[in-house]
PDB file of N, CA and C in Angstrom:
ATOM      1  N   MET A   1      68.467  48.817  33.629  1.00  0.00           N
ATOM      2  CA  MET A   1      67.352  49.213  32.816  1.00  0.00           C
ATOM      3  C   MET A   1      66.208  48.231  33.059  1.00  0.00           C
ATOM      4  N   ILE A   2      65.041  48.784  33.213  1.00  0.00           N
ATOM      5  CA  ILE A   2      63.818  47.991  33.315  1.00  0.00           C
ATOM      6  C   ILE A   2      62.830  48.579  32.319  1.00  0.00           C
ATOM      7  N   ASN A   3      62.374  47.742  31.412  1.00  0.00           N
ATOM      8  CA  ASN A   3      61.446  48.193  30.367  1.00  0.00           C
ATOM      9  C   ASN A   3      61.996  49.401  29.606  1.00  0.00           C
ATOM     10  N   GLY A   4      63.296  49.396  29.351  1.00  0.00           N
ATOM     11  CA  GLY A   4      63.916  50.466  28.573  1.00  0.00           C
ATOM     12  C   GLY A   4      64.156  51.764  29.322  1.00  0.00           C
ATOM     13  N   ARG A   5      63.956  51.772  30.640  1.00  0.00           N
ATOM     14  CA  ARG A   5      64.157  52.995  31.425  1.00  0.00           C
ATOM     15  C   ARG A   5      65.290  52.800  32.421  1.00  0.00           C
ATOM     16  N   PRO A   6      66.140  53.802  32.606  1.00  0.00           N
ATOM     17  CA  PRO A   6      67.207  53.696  33.602  1.00  0.00           C
ATOM     18  C   PRO A   6      66.615  53.491  34.997  1.00  0.00           C
ATOM     19  N   THR A   7      67.251  52.637  35.778  1.00  0.00           N
ATOM     20  CA  THR A   7      66.758  52.323  37.122  1.00  0.00           C
ATOM     21  C   THR A   7      67.906  52.375  38.113  1.00  0.00           C
ATOM     22  N   ASP A   8      67.701  53.073  39.208  1.00  0.00           N
ATOM     23  CA  ASP A   8      68.680  53.151  40.289  1.00  0.00           C
ATOM     24  C   ASP A   8      70.065  53.579  39.806  1.00  0.00           C
ATOM     25  N   VAL A   9      70.108  54.640  39.033  1.00  0.00           N
ATOM     26  CA  VAL A   9      71.365  55.206  38.565  1.00  0.00           C
ATOM     27  C   VAL A   9      71.652  56.441  39.404  1.00  0.00           C
ATOM     28  N   TYR A  10      72.892  56.598  39.839  1.00  0.00           N
ATOM     29  CA  TYR A  10      73.225  57.796  40.591  1.00  0.00           C
ATOM     30  C   TYR A  10      74.573  58.332  40.138  1.00  0.00           C
ATOM     31  N   ALA A  11      74.750  59.602  40.389  1.00  0.00           N
ATOM     32  CA  ALA A  11      76.012  60.253  40.033  1.00  0.00           C
ATOM     33  C   ALA A  11      76.431  61.134  41.193  1.00  0.00           C
ATOM     34  N   ARG A  12      77.716  61.203  41.418  1.00  0.00           N
ATOM     35  CA  ARG A  12      78.263  62.103  42.425  1.00  0.00           C
ATOM     36  C   ARG A  12      79.242  63.037  41.726  1.00  0.00           C
ATOM     37  N   HIS A  13      79.242  64.261  42.142  1.00  0.00           N
ATOM     38  CA  HIS A  13      80.173  65.226  41.563  1.00  0.00           C
ATOM     39  C   HIS A  13      81.348  65.409  42.510  1.00  0.00           C
ATOM     40  N   HIS A  14      82.536  65.292  41.979  1.00  0.00           N
ATOM     41  CA  HIS A  14      83.758  65.496  42.755  1.00  0.00           C
ATOM     42  C   HIS A  14      84.548  66.617  42.116  1.00  0.00           C
ATOM     43  N   HIS A  15      85.087  67.461  42.918  1.00  0.00           N
ATOM     44  CA  HIS A  15      85.934  68.564  42.452  1.00  0.00           C
ATOM     45  C   HIS A  15      85.188  69.533  41.545  1.00  0.00           C
ATOM     46  N   ALA A  16      83.887  69.654  41.728  1.00  0.00           N
ATOM     47  CA  ALA A  16      83.124  70.622  40.943  1.00  0.00           C
ATOM     48  C   ALA A  16      83.278  71.991  41.591  1.00  0.00           C
ATOM     49  N   TRP A  17      83.546  72.977  40.785  1.00  0.00           N
ATOM     50  CA  TRP A  17      83.686  74.340  41.287  1.00  0.00           C
ATOM     51  C   TRP A  17      82.340  74.837  41.805  1.00  0.00           C
ATOM     52  N   ARG A  18      81.262  74.481  41.096  1.00  0.00           N
ATOM     53  CA  ARG A  18      79.904  74.874  41.474  1.00  0.00           C
ATOM     54  C   ARG A  18      78.938  73.884  40.858  1.00  0.00           C
ATOM     55  N   VAL A  19      77.795  73.663  41.494  1.00  0.00           N
ATOM     56  CA  VAL A  19      76.739  72.796  40.962  1.00  0.00           C
ATOM     57  C   VAL A  19      75.472  73.627  40.856  1.00  0.00           C
ATOM     58  N   ASN A  20      74.923  73.715  39.653  1.00  0.00           N
ATOM     59  CA  ASN A  20      73.662  74.425  39.422  1.00  0.00           C
ATOM     60  C   ASN A  20      72.567  73.386  39.198  1.00  0.00           C
ATOM     61  N   ILE A  21      71.547  73.426  40.026  1.00  0.00           N
ATOM     62  CA  ILE A  21      70.405  72.522  39.876  1.00  0.00           C
ATOM     63  C   ILE A  21      69.198  73.375  39.542  1.00  0.00           C
ATOM     64  N   ASP A  22      68.581  73.100  38.386  1.00  0.00           N
ATOM     65  CA  ASP A  22      67.402  73.869  37.997  1.00  0.00           C
ATOM     66  C   ASP A  22      66.340  73.781  39.093  1.00  0.00           C
ATOM     67  N   PRO A  23      65.634  74.869  39.355  1.00  0.00           N
ATOM     68  CA  PRO A  23      64.644  74.869  40.425  1.00  0.00           C
ATOM     69  C   PRO A  23      63.487  73.898  40.201  1.00  0.00           C
ATOM     70  N   ASP A  24      63.223  73.502  38.956  1.00  0.00           N
ATOM     71  CA  ASP A  24      62.116  72.567  38.708  1.00  0.00           C
ATOM     72  C   ASP A  24      62.513  71.105  38.900  1.00  0.00           C
ATOM     73  N   VAL A  25      63.782  70.821  39.199  1.00  0.00           N
ATOM     74  CA  VAL A  25      64.220  69.456  39.489  1.00  0.00           C
ATOM     75  C   VAL A  25      63.962  69.187  40.970  1.00  0.00           C
ATOM     76  N   ALA A  26      63.067  68.247  41.244  1.00  0.00           N
ATOM     77  CA  ALA A  26      62.685  67.928  42.621  1.00  0.00           C
ATOM     78  C   ALA A  26      63.723  67.002  43.253  1.00  0.00           C
ATOM     79  N   LEU A  27      64.292  67.424  44.376  1.00  0.00           N
ATOM     80  CA  LEU A  27      65.271  66.616  45.092  1.00  0.00           C
ATOM     81  C   LEU A  27      64.684  66.139  46.416  1.00  0.00           C
ATOM     82  N   THR A  28      64.986  64.898  46.762  1.00  0.00           N
ATOM     83  CA  THR A  28      64.518  64.284  47.999  1.00  0.00           C
ATOM     84  C   THR A  28      65.715  64.061  48.904  1.00  0.00           C
ATOM     85  N   PRO A  29      65.648  64.485  50.166  1.00  0.00           N
ATOM     86  CA  PRO A  29      66.775  64.259  51.073  1.00  0.00           C
ATOM     87  C   PRO A  29      66.916  62.783  51.432  1.00  0.00           C
ATOM     88  N   HIS A  30      68.171  62.351  51.579  1.00  0.00           N
ATOM     89  CA  HIS A  30      68.474  60.978  51.997  1.00  0.00           C
ATOM     90  C   HIS A  30      69.783  61.036  52.775  1.00  0.00           C
ATOM     91  N   GLY A  31      69.695  61.114  54.095  1.00  0.00           N
ATOM     92  CA  GLY A  31      70.896  61.270  54.916  1.00  0.00           C
ATOM     93  C   GLY A  31      71.562  62.599  54.612  1.00  0.00           C
ATOM     94  N   LYS A  32      72.861  62.560  54.274  1.00  0.00           N
ATOM     95  CA  LYS A  32      73.593  63.777  53.924  1.00  0.00           C
ATOM     96  C   LYS A  32      73.419  64.156  52.459  1.00  0.00           C
ATOM     97  N   ASP A  33      72.807  63.270  51.673  1.00  0.00           N
ATOM     98  CA  ASP A  33      72.674  63.482  50.237  1.00  0.00           C
ATOM     99  C   ASP A  33      71.252  63.869  49.853  1.00  0.00           C
ATOM    100  N   ARG A  34      71.089  64.249  48.603  1.00  0.00           N
ATOM    101  CA  ARG A  34      69.771  64.475  47.999  1.00  0.00           C
ATOM    102  C   ARG A  34      69.770  63.766  46.661  1.00  0.00           C
ATOM    103  N   TYR A  35      68.606  63.324  46.229  1.00  0.00           N
ATOM    104  CA  TYR A  35      68.518  62.622  44.953  1.00  0.00           C
ATOM    105  C   TYR A  35      67.187  62.928  44.287  1.00  0.00           C
ATOM    106  N   THR A  36      67.092  62.577  43.005  1.00  0.00           N
ATOM    107  CA  THR A  36      65.839  62.692  42.269  1.00  0.00           C
ATOM    108  C   THR A  36      65.519  61.334  41.666  1.00  0.00           C
ATOM    109  N   ARG A  37      64.265  61.015  41.623  1.00  0.00           N
ATOM    110  CA  ARG A  37      63.816  59.753  41.014  1.00  0.00           C
ATOM    111  C   ARG A  37      63.505  59.936  39.531  1.00  0.00           C
ATOM    112  N   GLU A  38      63.695  61.132  39.042  1.00  0.00           N
ATOM    113  CA  GLU A  38      63.365  61.442  37.654  1.00  0.00           C
ATOM    114  C   GLU A  38      64.614  61.430  36.778  1.00  0.00           C
ATOM    115  N   ILE A  39      64.414  61.319  35.498  1.00  0.00           N
ATOM    116  CA  ILE A  39      65.521  61.364  34.549  1.00  0.00           C
ATOM    117  C   ILE A  39      65.954  62.817  34.398  1.00  0.00           C
ATOM    118  N   VAL A  40      67.239  63.069  34.581  1.00  0.00           N
ATOM    119  CA  VAL A  40      67.784  64.413  34.439  1.00  0.00           C
ATOM    120  C   VAL A  40      69.013  64.376  33.537  1.00  0.00           C
ATOM    121  N   GLU A  41      69.361  65.534  33.049  1.00  0.00           N
ATOM    122  CA  GLU A  41      70.549  65.705  32.217  1.00  0.00           C
ATOM    123  C   GLU A  41      71.626  66.350  33.087  1.00  0.00           C
ATOM    124  N   VAL A  42      72.799  65.755  33.109  1.00  0.00           N
ATOM    125  CA  VAL A  42      73.915  66.289  33.888  1.00  0.00           C
ATOM    126  C   VAL A  42      75.041  66.634  32.928  1.00  0.00           C
ATOM    127  N   SER A  43      75.541  67.843  33.020  1.00  0.00           N
ATOM    128  CA  SER A  43      76.635  68.258  32.139  1.00  0.00           C
ATOM    129  C   SER A  43      77.640  69.072  32.940  1.00  0.00           C
ATOM    130  N   ARG A  44      78.824  69.199  32.380  1.00  0.00           N
ATOM    131  CA  ARG A  44      79.900  69.962  33.027  1.00  0.00           C
ATOM    132  C   ARG A  44      80.502  70.910  32.010  1.00  0.00           C
ATOM    133  N   SER A  45      80.625  72.154  32.385  1.00  0.00           N
ATOM    134  CA  SER A  45      81.206  73.143  31.481  1.00  0.00           C
ATOM    135  C   SER A  45      82.730  73.103  31.579  1.00  0.00           C
ATOM    136  N   ALA A  46      83.390  73.791  30.683  1.00  0.00           N
ATOM    137  CA  ALA A  46      84.854  73.827  30.652  1.00  0.00           C
ATOM    138  C   ALA A  46      85.442  74.441  31.925  1.00  0.00           C
ATOM    139  N   ASP A  47      84.669  75.320  32.576  1.00  0.00           N
ATOM    140  CA  ASP A  47      85.181  75.943  33.802  1.00  0.00           C
ATOM    141  C   ASP A  47      84.817  75.162  35.067  1.00  0.00           C
ATOM    142  N   GLY A  48      84.298  73.941  34.923  1.00  0.00           N
ATOM    143  CA  GLY A  48      84.062  73.063  36.061  1.00  0.00           C
ATOM    144  C   GLY A  48      82.697  73.160  36.711  1.00  0.00           C
ATOM    145  N   VAL A  49      81.774  73.920  36.129  1.00  0.00           N
ATOM    146  CA  VAL A  49      80.435  74.038  36.692  1.00  0.00           C
ATOM    147  C   VAL A  49      79.582  72.856  36.217  1.00  0.00           C
ATOM    148  N   VAL A  50      78.981  72.144  37.169  1.00  0.00           N
ATOM    149  CA  VAL A  50      78.107  71.010  36.855  1.00  0.00           C
ATOM    150  C   VAL A  50      76.672  71.516  36.858  1.00  0.00           C
ATOM    151  N   SER A  51      75.909  71.162  35.815  1.00  0.00           N
ATOM    152  CA  SER A  51      74.509  71.569  35.711  1.00  0.00           C
ATOM    153  C   SER A  51      73.617  70.338  35.695  1.00  0.00           C
ATOM    154  N   VAL A  52      72.504  70.424  36.432  1.00  0.00           N
ATOM    155  CA  VAL A  52      71.518  69.345  36.487  1.00  0.00           C
ATOM    156  C   VAL A  52      70.181  69.947  36.087  1.00  0.00           C
ATOM    157  N   ARG A  53      69.539  69.357  35.086  1.00  0.00           N
ATOM    158  CA  ARG A  53      68.234  69.858  34.629  1.00  0.00           C
ATOM    159  C   ARG A  53      67.484  68.737  33.939  1.00  0.00           C
ATOM    160  N   TYR A  54      66.215  69.000  33.671  1.00  0.00           N
ATOM    161  CA  TYR A  54      65.443  68.026  32.906  1.00  0.00           C
ATOM    162  C   TYR A  54      65.978  67.983  31.485  1.00  0.00           C
ATOM    163  N   PRO A  55      65.870  66.842  30.822  1.00  0.00           N
ATOM    164  CA  PRO A  55      66.339  66.742  29.430  1.00  0.00           C
ATOM    165  C   PRO A  55      65.641  67.766  28.540  1.00  0.00           C
ATOM    166  N   ARG A  56      66.313  68.139  27.491  1.00  0.00           N
ATOM    167  CA  ARG A  56      65.809  69.183  26.600  1.00  0.00           C
ATOM    168  C   ARG A  56      64.810  68.688  25.560  1.00  0.00           C
ATOM    169  N   TYR A  57      64.598  67.396  25.433  1.00  0.00           N
ATOM    170  CA  TYR A  57      63.690  66.919  24.399  1.00  0.00           C
ATOM    171  C   TYR A  57      62.244  67.036  24.836  1.00  0.00           C
ATOM    172  N   ASP A  58      61.317  67.088  23.853  1.00  0.00           N
ATOM    173  CA  ASP A  58      59.906  67.367  24.123  1.00  0.00           C
ATOM    174  C   ASP A  58      59.147  66.220  24.782  1.00  0.00           C
ATOM    175  N   ASP A  59      59.581  64.979  24.576  1.00  0.00           N
ATOM    176  CA  ASP A  59      58.812  63.841  25.089  1.00  0.00           C
ATOM    177  C   ASP A  59      59.407  63.292  26.379  1.00  0.00           C
ATOM    178  N   HIS A  60      59.956  64.161  27.208  1.00  0.00           N
ATOM    179  CA  HIS A  60      60.597  63.698  28.439  1.00  0.00           C
ATOM    180  C   HIS A  60      59.560  63.039  29.344  1.00  0.00           C
ATOM    181  N   PRO A  61      59.945  61.897  29.947  1.00  0.00           N
ATOM    182  CA  PRO A  61      58.972  61.112  30.748  1.00  0.00           C
ATOM    183  C   PRO A  61      58.462  61.844  31.970  1.00  0.00           C
TER     184      PRO A  61
END
């Protein structure tokens, strides 16, 4: 954390049945991977689907 903001945090999904990334989440390629420099919300449903989207609160950075 720097100045109260997460810094250089990453997550990898393993054994996910499917990954849904909202179209408004900007991803940057880096080798074989892609990443975002923005704060996102990552969740997993009971059936193994991982979802990535912007946080649901109104004051998102």
